[in-house]
Amino acid sequence: MGFVVPAKTPQPIVKRLHDDIVAILEEPDVRQKLAAHSMDVVADTPAEMRATLDADMARWKPIIEKNHITLD
């Protein structure tokens, strides 16, 4: 799970959102509430999130294509 913004979002806005979200995720009660739902907080950088998304797309693309899966 992660936060995404449109591709052409200005970098200062991306940085501000990232910094604010990381600050929220570092709050103990937020971490506790997420942990209660079996969620582990990983506050990656935007570049690390992009790499994760790219890896996931590469991993699932053959299965999606083989099974003709589409979004309706």
PDB file of N, CA and C in Angstrom:
ATOM      1  N   MET A   1       0.852  -1.156   0.000  1.00  0.00           N
ATOM      2  CA  MET A   1       0.000   0.000   0.000  1.00  0.00           C
ATOM      3  C   MET A   1       0.902   1.224   0.000  1.00  0.00           C
ATOM      4  N   GLY A   2       0.497   2.208  -0.730  1.00  0.00           N
ATOM      5  CA  GLY A   2       1.302   3.415  -0.769  1.00  0.00           C
ATOM      6  C   GLY A   2       0.486   4.588  -1.269  1.00  0.00           C
ATOM      7  N   PHE A   3       1.108   5.726  -1.267  1.00  0.00           N
ATOM      8  CA  PHE A   3       0.484   6.938  -1.782  1.00  0.00           C
ATOM      9  C   PHE A   3       1.107   7.260  -3.126  1.00  0.00           C
ATOM     10  N   VAL A   4       0.286   7.602  -4.090  1.00  0.00           N
ATOM     11  CA  VAL A   4       0.779   7.991  -5.405  1.00  0.00           C
ATOM     12  C   VAL A   4       0.140   9.319  -5.796  1.00  0.00           C
ATOM     13  N   VAL A   5       0.838  10.037  -6.655  1.00  0.00           N
ATOM     14  CA  VAL A   5       0.345  11.309  -7.171  1.00  0.00           C
ATOM     15  C   VAL A   5       0.480  11.266  -8.688  1.00  0.00           C
ATOM     16  N   PRO A   6      -0.197  12.154  -9.398  1.00  0.00           N
ATOM     17  CA  PRO A   6      -0.046  12.188 -10.856  1.00  0.00           C
ATOM     18  C   PRO A   6       1.420  12.386 -11.264  1.00  0.00           C
ATOM     19  N   ALA A   7       1.778  11.830 -12.402  1.00  0.00           N
ATOM     20  CA  ALA A   7       3.170  11.820 -12.871  1.00  0.00           C
ATOM     21  C   ALA A   7       3.810  13.197 -12.951  1.00  0.00           C
ATOM     22  N   LYS A   8       3.065  14.203 -13.282  1.00  0.00           N
ATOM     23  CA  LYS A   8       3.654  15.540 -13.473  1.00  0.00           C
ATOM     24  C   LYS A   8       3.513  16.438 -12.243  1.00  0.00           C
ATOM     25  N   THR A   9       3.296  15.831 -11.078  1.00  0.00           N
ATOM     26  CA  THR A   9       3.214  16.622  -9.847  1.00  0.00           C
ATOM     27  C   THR A   9       4.574  17.268  -9.595  1.00  0.00           C
ATOM     28  N   PRO A  10       4.615  18.572  -9.344  1.00  0.00           N
ATOM     29  CA  PRO A  10       5.904  19.241  -9.100  1.00  0.00           C
ATOM     30  C   PRO A  10       6.651  18.613  -7.911  1.00  0.00           C
ATOM     31  N   GLN A  11       7.962  18.507  -8.047  1.00  0.00           N
ATOM     32  CA  GLN A  11       8.796  17.866  -7.037  1.00  0.00           C
ATOM     33  C   GLN A  11       8.649  18.476  -5.640  1.00  0.00           C
ATOM     34  N   PRO A  12       8.537  19.802  -5.501  1.00  0.00           N
ATOM     35  CA  PRO A  12       8.348  20.344  -4.143  1.00  0.00           C
ATOM     36  C   PRO A  12       7.066  19.823  -3.470  1.00  0.00           C
ATOM     37  N   ILE A  13       6.023  19.609  -4.245  1.00  0.00           N
ATOM     38  CA  ILE A  13       4.775  19.075  -3.688  1.00  0.00           C
ATOM     39  C   ILE A  13       4.969  17.615  -3.292  1.00  0.00           C
ATOM     40  N   VAL A  14       5.645  16.832  -4.136  1.00  0.00           N
ATOM     41  CA  VAL A  14       5.934  15.432  -3.813  1.00  0.00           C
ATOM     42  C   VAL A  14       6.729  15.358  -2.517  1.00  0.00           C
ATOM     43  N   LYS A  15       7.744  16.198  -2.390  1.00  0.00           N
ATOM     44  CA  LYS A  15       8.578  16.197  -1.182  1.00  0.00           C
ATOM     45  C   LYS A  15       7.765  16.566   0.048  1.00  0.00           C
ATOM     46  N   ARG A  16       6.943  17.579  -0.069  1.00  0.00           N
ATOM     47  CA  ARG A  16       6.123  18.001   1.076  1.00  0.00           C
ATOM     48  C   ARG A  16       5.170  16.897   1.506  1.00  0.00           C
ATOM     49  N   LEU A  17       4.495  16.280   0.531  1.00  0.00           N
ATOM     50  CA  LEU A  17       3.586  15.181   0.860  1.00  0.00           C
ATOM     51  C   LEU A  17       4.338  14.030   1.522  1.00  0.00           C
ATOM     52  N   HIS A  18       5.478  13.663   0.942  1.00  0.00           N
ATOM     53  CA  HIS A  18       6.273  12.567   1.498  1.00  0.00           C
ATOM     54  C   HIS A  18       6.692  12.879   2.930  1.00  0.00           C
ATOM     55  N   ASP A  19       7.232  14.059   3.148  1.00  0.00           N
ATOM     56  CA  ASP A  19       7.695  14.437   4.487  1.00  0.00           C
ATOM     57  C   ASP A  19       6.550  14.431   5.501  1.00  0.00           C
ATOM     58  N   ASP A  20       5.398  14.958   5.100  1.00  0.00           N
ATOM     59  CA  ASP A  20       4.254  15.003   6.018  1.00  0.00           C
ATOM     60  C   ASP A  20       3.713  13.600   6.309  1.00  0.00           C
ATOM     61  N   ILE A  21       3.648  12.758   5.294  1.00  0.00           N
ATOM     62  CA  ILE A  21       3.154  11.388   5.491  1.00  0.00           C
ATOM     63  C   ILE A  21       4.107  10.599   6.376  1.00  0.00           C
ATOM     64  N   VAL A  22       5.406  10.741   6.154  1.00  0.00           N
ATOM     65  CA  VAL A  22       6.394  10.046   6.999  1.00  0.00           C
ATOM     66  C   VAL A  22       6.255  10.502   8.448  1.00  0.00           C
ATOM     67  N   ALA A  23       6.072  11.794   8.661  1.00  0.00           N
ATOM     68  CA  ALA A  23       5.907  12.311  10.026  1.00  0.00           C
ATOM     69  C   ALA A  23       4.680  11.693  10.698  1.00  0.00           C
ATOM     70  N   ILE A  24       3.600  11.575   9.965  1.00  0.00           N
ATOM     71  CA  ILE A  24       2.380  10.965  10.504  1.00  0.00           C
ATOM     72  C   ILE A  24       2.617   9.485  10.816  1.00  0.00           C
ATOM     73  N   LEU A  25       3.283   8.796   9.906  1.00  0.00           N
ATOM     74  CA  LEU A  25       3.533   7.364  10.107  1.00  0.00           C
ATOM     75  C   LEU A  25       4.489   7.084  11.257  1.00  0.00           C
ATOM     76  N   GLU A  26       5.250   8.075  11.676  1.00  0.00           N
ATOM     77  CA  GLU A  26       6.169   7.902  12.796  1.00  0.00           C
ATOM     78  C   GLU A  26       5.484   8.093  14.147  1.00  0.00           C
ATOM     79  N   GLU A  27       4.248   8.590  14.142  1.00  0.00           N
ATOM     80  CA  GLU A  27       3.531   8.790  15.395  1.00  0.00           C
ATOM     81  C   GLU A  27       3.175   7.426  16.004  1.00  0.00           C
ATOM     82  N   PRO A  28       3.507   7.221  17.276  1.00  0.00           N
ATOM     83  CA  PRO A  28       3.286   5.913  17.903  1.00  0.00           C
ATOM     84  C   PRO A  28       1.849   5.395  17.815  1.00  0.00           C
ATOM     85  N   ASP A  29       0.857   6.263  18.014  1.00  0.00           N
ATOM     86  CA  ASP A  29      -0.516   5.766  17.957  1.00  0.00           C
ATOM     87  C   ASP A  29      -0.934   5.391  16.540  1.00  0.00           C
ATOM     88  N   VAL A  30      -0.381   6.057  15.541  1.00  0.00           N
ATOM     89  CA  VAL A  30      -0.664   5.691  14.152  1.00  0.00           C
ATOM     90  C   VAL A  30      -0.048   4.325  13.864  1.00  0.00           C
ATOM     91  N   ARG A  31       1.209   4.133  14.262  1.00  0.00           N
ATOM     92  CA  ARG A  31       1.880   2.842  14.068  1.00  0.00           C
ATOM     93  C   ARG A  31       1.118   1.725  14.777  1.00  0.00           C
ATOM     94  N   GLN A  32       0.644   2.008  15.979  1.00  0.00           N
ATOM     95  CA  GLN A  32      -0.090   1.012  16.757  1.00  0.00           C
ATOM     96  C   GLN A  32      -1.396   0.629  16.057  1.00  0.00           C
ATOM     97  N   LYS A  33      -2.111   1.627  15.564  1.00  0.00           N
ATOM     98  CA  LYS A  33      -3.378   1.350  14.874  1.00  0.00           C
ATOM     99  C   LYS A  33      -3.146   0.559  13.594  1.00  0.00           C
ATOM    100  N   LEU A  34      -2.112   0.896  12.860  1.00  0.00           N
ATOM    101  CA  LEU A  34      -1.799   0.141  11.640  1.00  0.00           C
ATOM    102  C   LEU A  34      -1.370  -1.282  11.983  1.00  0.00           C
ATOM    103  N   ALA A  35      -0.570  -1.434  13.024  1.00  0.00           N
ATOM    104  CA  ALA A  35      -0.120  -2.763  13.449  1.00  0.00           C
ATOM    105  C   ALA A  35      -1.305  -3.630  13.858  1.00  0.00           C
ATOM    106  N   ALA A  36      -2.327  -3.024  14.436  1.00  0.00           N
ATOM    107  CA  ALA A  36      -3.523  -3.768  14.829  1.00  0.00           C
ATOM    108  C   ALA A  36      -4.239  -4.360  13.622  1.00  0.00           C
ATOM    109  N   HIS A  37      -3.951  -3.815  12.446  1.00  0.00           N
ATOM    110  CA  HIS A  37      -4.526  -4.323  11.196  1.00  0.00           C
ATOM    111  C   HIS A  37      -3.485  -5.082  10.375  1.00  0.00           C
ATOM    112  N   SER A  38      -2.449  -5.555  11.066  1.00  0.00           N
ATOM    113  CA  SER A  38      -1.357  -6.335  10.446  1.00  0.00           C
ATOM    114  C   SER A  38      -0.617  -5.556   9.370  1.00  0.00           C
ATOM    115  N   MET A  39      -0.472  -4.263   9.556  1.00  0.00           N
ATOM    116  CA  MET A  39       0.258  -3.422   8.616  1.00  0.00           C
ATOM    117  C   MET A  39       1.578  -2.992   9.236  1.00  0.00           C
ATOM    118  N   ASP A  40       2.661  -3.215   8.518  1.00  0.00           N
ATOM    119  CA  ASP A  40       3.977  -2.763   8.943  1.00  0.00           C
ATOM    120  C   ASP A  40       4.308  -1.471   8.200  1.00  0.00           C
ATOM    121  N   VAL A  41       4.733  -0.461   8.917  1.00  0.00           N
ATOM    122  CA  VAL A  41       5.057   0.826   8.297  1.00  0.00           C
ATOM    123  C   VAL A  41       6.434   0.755   7.656  1.00  0.00           C
ATOM    124  N   VAL A  42       6.497   1.084   6.376  1.00  0.00           N
ATOM    125  CA  VAL A  42       7.752   1.213   5.641  1.00  0.00           C
ATOM    126  C   VAL A  42       7.680   2.554   4.934  1.00  0.00           C
ATOM    127  N   ALA A  43       8.438   3.510   5.405  1.00  0.00           N
ATOM    128  CA  ALA A  43       8.387   4.855   4.838  1.00  0.00           C
ATOM    129  C   ALA A  43       9.526   5.027   3.832  1.00  0.00           C
ATOM    130  N   ASP A  44       9.361   4.388   2.682  1.00  0.00           N
ATOM    131  CA  ASP A  44      10.357   4.497   1.611  1.00  0.00           C
ATOM    132  C   ASP A  44      10.359   5.891   1.000  1.00  0.00           C
ATOM    133  N   THR A  45      11.410   6.153   0.245  1.00  0.00           N
ATOM    134  CA  THR A  45      11.450   7.396  -0.524  1.00  0.00           C
ATOM    135  C   THR A  45      10.562   7.231  -1.755  1.00  0.00           C
ATOM    136  N   PRO A  46      10.200   8.329  -2.415  1.00  0.00           N
ATOM    137  CA  PRO A  46       9.435   8.201  -3.660  1.00  0.00           C
ATOM    138  C   PRO A  46      10.155   7.325  -4.691  1.00  0.00           C
ATOM    139  N   ALA A  47      11.472   7.420  -4.779  1.00  0.00           N
ATOM    140  CA  ALA A  47      12.220   6.596  -5.739  1.00  0.00           C
ATOM    141  C   ALA A  47      12.122   5.107  -5.392  1.00  0.00           C
ATOM    142  N   GLU A  48      12.182   4.795  -4.105  1.00  0.00           N
ATOM    143  CA  GLU A  48      12.061   3.392  -3.692  1.00  0.00           C
ATOM    144  C   GLU A  48      10.658   2.860  -3.972  1.00  0.00           C
ATOM    145  N   MET A  49       9.651   3.683  -3.763  1.00  0.00           N
ATOM    146  CA  MET A  49       8.277   3.275  -4.067  1.00  0.00           C
ATOM    147  C   MET A  49       8.116   3.034  -5.558  1.00  0.00           C
ATOM    148  N   ARG A  50       8.696   3.906  -6.375  1.00  0.00           N
ATOM    149  CA  ARG A  50       8.635   3.734  -7.828  1.00  0.00           C
ATOM    150  C   ARG A  50       9.281   2.412  -8.235  1.00  0.00           C
ATOM    151  N   ALA A  51      10.424   2.091  -7.633  1.00  0.00           N
ATOM    152  CA  ALA A  51      11.117   0.833  -7.932  1.00  0.00           C
ATOM    153  C   ALA A  51      10.255  -0.368  -7.541  1.00  0.00           C
ATOM    154  N   THR A  52       9.577  -0.270  -6.404  1.00  0.00           N
ATOM    155  CA  THR A  52       8.686  -1.349  -5.974  1.00  0.00           C
ATOM    156  C   THR A  52       7.538  -1.523  -6.951  1.00  0.00           C
ATOM    157  N   LEU A  53       6.924  -0.413  -7.372  1.00  0.00           N
ATOM    158  CA  LEU A  53       5.833  -0.483  -8.345  1.00  0.00           C
ATOM    159  C   LEU A  53       6.305  -1.067  -9.668  1.00  0.00           C
ATOM    160  N   ASP A  54       7.478  -0.641 -10.137  1.00  0.00           N
ATOM    161  CA  ASP A  54       8.024  -1.173 -11.387  1.00  0.00           C
ATOM    162  C   ASP A  54       8.265  -2.677 -11.286  1.00  0.00           C
ATOM    163  N   ALA A  55       8.822  -3.126 -10.155  1.00  0.00           N
ATOM    164  CA  ALA A  55       9.079  -4.554  -9.959  1.00  0.00           C
ATOM    165  C   ALA A  55       7.769  -5.340  -9.912  1.00  0.00           C
ATOM    166  N   ASP A  56       6.764  -4.797  -9.237  1.00  0.00           N
ATOM    167  CA  ASP A  56       5.463  -5.467  -9.179  1.00  0.00           C
ATOM    168  C   ASP A  56       4.826  -5.563 -10.560  1.00  0.00           C
ATOM    169  N   MET A  57       4.920  -4.494 -11.336  1.00  0.00           N
ATOM    170  CA  MET A  57       4.342  -4.528 -12.681  1.00  0.00           C
ATOM    171  C   MET A  57       5.053  -5.558 -13.555  1.00  0.00           C
ATOM    172  N   ALA A  58       6.361  -5.629 -13.453  1.00  0.00           N
ATOM    173  CA  ALA A  58       7.115  -6.611 -14.230  1.00  0.00           C
ATOM    174  C   ALA A  58       6.762  -8.031 -13.784  1.00  0.00           C
ATOM    175  N   ARG A  59       6.568  -8.215 -12.498  1.00  0.00           N
ATOM    176  CA  ARG A  59       6.247  -9.541 -11.953  1.00  0.00           C
ATOM    177  C   ARG A  59       4.884 -10.030 -12.421  1.00  0.00           C
ATOM    178  N   TRP A  60       3.888  -9.149 -12.411  1.00  0.00           N
ATOM    179  CA  TRP A  60       2.523  -9.558 -12.705  1.00  0.00           C
ATOM    180  C   TRP A  60       2.118  -9.426 -14.170  1.00  0.00           C
ATOM    181  N   LYS A  61       2.877  -8.698 -14.969  1.00  0.00           N
ATOM    182  CA  LYS A  61       2.511  -8.473 -16.374  1.00  0.00           C
ATOM    183  C   LYS A  61       2.312  -9.769 -17.155  1.00  0.00           C
ATOM    184  N   PRO A  62       3.220 -10.763 -17.062  1.00  0.00           N
ATOM    185  CA  PRO A  62       2.995 -11.999 -17.820  1.00  0.00           C
ATOM    186  C   PRO A  62       1.702 -12.722 -17.430  1.00  0.00           C
ATOM    187  N   ILE A  63       1.366 -12.708 -16.168  1.00  0.00           N
ATOM    188  CA  ILE A  63       0.143 -13.370 -15.703  1.00  0.00           C
ATOM    189  C   ILE A  63      -1.087 -12.617 -16.204  1.00  0.00           C
ATOM    190  N   ILE A  64      -1.029 -11.302 -16.129  1.00  0.00           N
ATOM    191  CA  ILE A  64      -2.142 -10.480 -16.601  1.00  0.00           C
ATOM    192  C   ILE A  64      -2.370 -10.697 -18.090  1.00  0.00           C
ATOM    193  N   GLU A  65      -1.288 -10.677 -18.861  1.00  0.00           N
ATOM    194  CA  GLU A  65      -1.419 -10.861 -20.309  1.00  0.00           C
ATOM    195  C   GLU A  65      -1.878 -12.273 -20.651  1.00  0.00           C
ATOM    196  N   LYS A  66      -1.310 -13.275 -20.009  1.00  0.00           N
ATOM    197  CA  LYS A  66      -1.663 -14.676 -20.284  1.00  0.00           C
ATOM    198  C   LYS A  66      -3.143 -14.936 -20.027  1.00  0.00           C
ATOM    199  N   ASN A  67      -3.683 -14.309 -19.000  1.00  0.00           N
ATOM    200  CA  ASN A  67      -5.069 -14.544 -18.613  1.00  0.00           C
ATOM    201  C   ASN A  67      -6.032 -13.470 -19.129  1.00  0.00           C
ATOM    202  N   HIS A  68      -5.513 -12.574 -19.958  1.00  0.00           N
ATOM    203  CA  HIS A  68      -6.336 -11.523 -20.571  1.00  0.00           C
ATOM    204  C   HIS A  68      -7.128 -10.728 -19.512  1.00  0.00           C
ATOM    205  N   ILE A  69      -6.436 -10.372 -18.446  1.00  0.00           N
ATOM    206  CA  ILE A  69      -7.066  -9.615 -17.366  1.00  0.00           C
ATOM    207  C   ILE A  69      -7.076  -8.140 -17.733  1.00  0.00           C
ATOM    208  N   THR A  70      -8.240  -7.514 -17.580  1.00  0.00           N
ATOM    209  CA  THR A  70      -8.375  -6.088 -17.868  1.00  0.00           C
ATOM    210  C   THR A  70      -9.142  -5.401 -16.745  1.00  0.00           C
ATOM    211  N   LEU A  71      -9.012  -4.106 -16.683  1.00  0.00           N
ATOM    212  CA  LEU A  71      -9.797  -3.323 -15.741  1.00  0.00           C
ATOM    213  C   LEU A  71     -11.074  -2.876 -16.437  1.00  0.00           C
ATOM    214  N   ASP A  72     -12.155  -3.000 -15.751  1.00  0.00           N
ATOM    215  CA  ASP A  72     -13.438  -2.549 -16.330  1.00  0.00           C
ATOM    216  C   ASP A  72     -13.751  -1.143 -15.883  1.00  0.00           C
TER     217      ASP A  72
END
